[in-house]
Amino acid sequence: MKKNKFLLILSLLIISSCNPNRTISRKDFEKIEIGMTVNEVKSILGAPHKVTTDRDSNTYYFYKTQDNFFAKRYASVKFDNRGWLSFKYFGKKD
């Protein structure tokens, strides 16, 4: 019985960590630094909620920082055409 409970809890943790709509914390966001590569940023923050590219080949990643009935807030990062982090924005401190 203990083994079944353990496997159930482990499965739930794995499934919840794979959620692409998860929110990120300011603490994790502050770990990323200008000049990091796309892979370095994704290893810290995970997959972005949304990705866009402009006509100058800059890529923007958007991450949820809060998602509830009253507010949807996002952090954004910009990668230049070489794939290096050139801008980051988390938003106001709560």
C-alpha atoms as a PDB file:
ATOM      1  CA  MET A   1       0.000   0.000   0.000  1.00  0.00           C
ATOM      2  CA  LYS A   2       2.854   2.408   0.846  1.00  0.00           C
ATOM      3  CA  LYS A   3       4.444   1.677  -2.521  1.00  0.00           C
ATOM      4  CA  ASN A   4       1.214   2.591  -4.370  1.00  0.00           C
ATOM      5  CA  LYS A   5       0.903   5.891  -2.477  1.00  0.00           C
ATOM      6  CA  PHE A   6       4.529   6.700  -3.210  1.00  0.00           C
ATOM      7  CA  LEU A   7       4.094   5.980  -6.933  1.00  0.00           C
ATOM      8  CA  LEU A   8       0.922   8.086  -7.050  1.00  0.00           C
ATOM      9  CA  ILE A   9       2.616  11.062  -5.390  1.00  0.00           C
ATOM     10  CA  LEU A  10       5.680  10.709  -7.609  1.00  0.00           C
ATOM     11  CA  SER A  11       3.479  10.585 -10.729  1.00  0.00           C
ATOM     12  CA  LEU A  12       1.588  13.717  -9.690  1.00  0.00           C
ATOM     13  CA  LEU A  13       4.825  15.605  -9.075  1.00  0.00           C
ATOM     14  CA  ILE A  14       6.196  14.633 -12.466  1.00  0.00           C
ATOM     15  CA  ILE A  15       2.997  15.599 -14.267  1.00  0.00           C
ATOM     16  CA  SER A  16       2.739  18.960 -12.484  1.00  0.00           C
ATOM     17  CA  SER A  17       6.367  19.821 -13.259  1.00  0.00           C
ATOM     18  CA  CYS A  18       5.717  19.265 -16.981  1.00  0.00           C
ATOM     19  CA  ASN A  19       2.932  21.840 -17.099  1.00  0.00           C
ATOM     20  CA  PRO A  20       3.816  24.401 -19.817  1.00  0.00           C
ATOM     21  CA  ASN A  21       1.478  26.922 -18.176  1.00  0.00           C
ATOM     22  CA  ARG A  22       3.283  26.926 -14.854  1.00  0.00           C
ATOM     23  CA  THR A  23       4.258  30.250 -13.337  1.00  0.00           C
ATOM     24  CA  ILE A  24       7.835  31.315 -12.622  1.00  0.00           C
ATOM     25  CA  SER A  25       9.120  33.026  -9.504  1.00  0.00           C
ATOM     26  CA  ARG A  26      11.087  36.247  -9.248  1.00  0.00           C
ATOM     27  CA  LYS A  27      13.824  34.240  -7.497  1.00  0.00           C
ATOM     28  CA  ASP A  28      14.285  31.972 -10.532  1.00  0.00           C
ATOM     29  CA  PHE A  29      14.003  34.919 -12.926  1.00  0.00           C
ATOM     30  CA  GLU A  30      16.814  36.736 -11.115  1.00  0.00           C
ATOM     31  CA  LYS A  31      19.123  33.773 -11.816  1.00  0.00           C
ATOM     32  CA  ILE A  32      19.201  34.584 -15.530  1.00  0.00           C
ATOM     33  CA  GLU A  33      21.753  37.111 -16.781  1.00  0.00           C
ATOM     34  CA  ILE A  34      22.245  39.174 -19.923  1.00  0.00           C
ATOM     35  CA  GLY A  35      24.443  37.238 -22.363  1.00  0.00           C
ATOM     36  CA  MET A  36      23.054  33.800 -21.539  1.00  0.00           C
ATOM     37  CA  THR A  37      22.025  31.513 -24.369  1.00  0.00           C
ATOM     38  CA  VAL A  38      18.490  30.308 -25.061  1.00  0.00           C
ATOM     39  CA  ASN A  39      19.331  26.877 -23.627  1.00  0.00           C
ATOM     40  CA  GLU A  40      20.789  28.370 -20.441  1.00  0.00           C
ATOM     41  CA  VAL A  41      17.654  30.451 -19.850  1.00  0.00           C
ATOM     42  CA  LYS A  42      15.333  27.520 -20.599  1.00  0.00           C
ATOM     43  CA  SER A  43      17.277  25.318 -18.177  1.00  0.00           C
ATOM     44  CA  ILE A  44      16.431  27.804 -15.402  1.00  0.00           C
ATOM     45  CA  LEU A  45      12.929  28.984 -16.367  1.00  0.00           C
ATOM     46  CA  GLY A  46      11.669  26.084 -18.444  1.00  0.00           C
ATOM     47  CA  ALA A  47       9.626  26.342 -21.619  1.00  0.00           C
ATOM     48  CA  PRO A  48       8.036  29.753 -22.229  1.00  0.00           C
ATOM     49  CA  HIS A  49       4.284  30.286 -22.351  1.00  0.00           C
ATOM     50  CA  LYS A  50       4.567  32.213 -25.639  1.00  0.00           C
ATOM     51  CA  VAL A  51       7.304  32.895 -28.219  1.00  0.00           C
ATOM     52  CA  THR A  52       7.371  35.656 -30.850  1.00  0.00           C
ATOM     53  CA  THR A  53       9.975  36.898 -33.318  1.00  0.00           C
ATOM     54  CA  ASP A  54      10.329  40.375 -34.828  1.00  0.00           C
ATOM     55  CA  ARG A  55      11.538  41.320 -38.297  1.00  0.00           C
ATOM     56  CA  ASP A  56      15.097  41.844 -36.999  1.00  0.00           C
ATOM     57  CA  SER A  57      15.215  38.153 -35.923  1.00  0.00           C
ATOM     58  CA  ASN A  58      14.990  38.986 -32.211  1.00  0.00           C
ATOM     59  CA  THR A  59      13.068  36.347 -30.288  1.00  0.00           C
ATOM     60  CA  TYR A  60      10.873  37.151 -27.300  1.00  0.00           C
ATOM     61  CA  TYR A  61       9.886  34.611 -24.662  1.00  0.00           C
ATOM     62  CA  PHE A  62       6.974  35.281 -22.315  1.00  0.00           C
ATOM     63  CA  TYR A  63       6.553  33.476 -18.991  1.00  0.00           C
ATOM     64  CA  LYS A  64       3.590  33.573 -16.628  1.00  0.00           C
ATOM     65  CA  THR A  65       4.436  35.067 -13.246  1.00  0.00           C
ATOM     66  CA  GLN A  66       0.885  35.129 -11.902  1.00  0.00           C
ATOM     67  CA  ASP A  67      -2.318  33.654 -13.191  1.00  0.00           C
ATOM     68  CA  ASN A  68      -5.546  33.950 -11.292  1.00  0.00           C
ATOM     69  CA  PHE A  69      -9.041  35.308 -11.780  1.00  0.00           C
ATOM     70  CA  PHE A  70      -7.969  38.909 -11.155  1.00  0.00           C
ATOM     71  CA  ALA A  71      -4.604  39.133 -12.901  1.00  0.00           C
ATOM     72  CA  LYS A  72      -2.465  37.559 -15.558  1.00  0.00           C
ATOM     73  CA  ARG A  73       1.116  38.783 -15.382  1.00  0.00           C
ATOM     74  CA  TYR A  74       4.073  37.906 -17.535  1.00  0.00           C
ATOM     75  CA  ALA A  75       7.840  38.220 -17.500  1.00  0.00           C
ATOM     76  CA  SER A  76       9.602  38.653 -20.819  1.00  0.00           C
ATOM     77  CA  VAL A  77      13.071  38.047 -22.174  1.00  0.00           C
ATOM     78  CA  LYS A  78      14.566  39.040 -25.513  1.00  0.00           C
ATOM     79  CA  PHE A  79      17.209  37.099 -27.412  1.00  0.00           C
ATOM     80  CA  ASP A  80      19.172  38.824 -30.161  1.00  0.00           C
ATOM     81  CA  ASN A  81      19.666  37.280 -33.595  1.00  0.00           C
ATOM     82  CA  ARG A  82      22.689  35.338 -32.250  1.00  0.00           C
ATOM     83  CA  GLY A  83      20.538  33.675 -29.574  1.00  0.00           C
ATOM     84  CA  TRP A  84      21.932  35.601 -26.590  1.00  0.00           C
ATOM     85  CA  LEU A  85      19.792  37.153 -23.884  1.00  0.00           C
ATOM     86  CA  SER A  86      19.807  40.919 -24.435  1.00  0.00           C
ATOM     87  CA  PHE A  87      16.860  42.118 -22.300  1.00  0.00           C
ATOM     88  CA  LYS A  88      14.755  40.853 -19.404  1.00  0.00           C
ATOM     89  CA  TYR A  89      11.711  42.243 -17.638  1.00  0.00           C
ATOM     90  CA  PHE A  90       9.823  40.760 -14.692  1.00  0.00           C
ATOM     91  CA  GLY A  91       7.508  43.585 -13.712  1.00  0.00           C
ATOM     92  CA  LYS A  92       6.715  45.397 -10.521  1.00  0.00           C
ATOM     93  CA  LYS A  93       7.459  43.892  -7.148  1.00  0.00           C
ATOM     94  CA  ASP A  94       4.304  42.820  -5.360  1.00  0.00           C
END
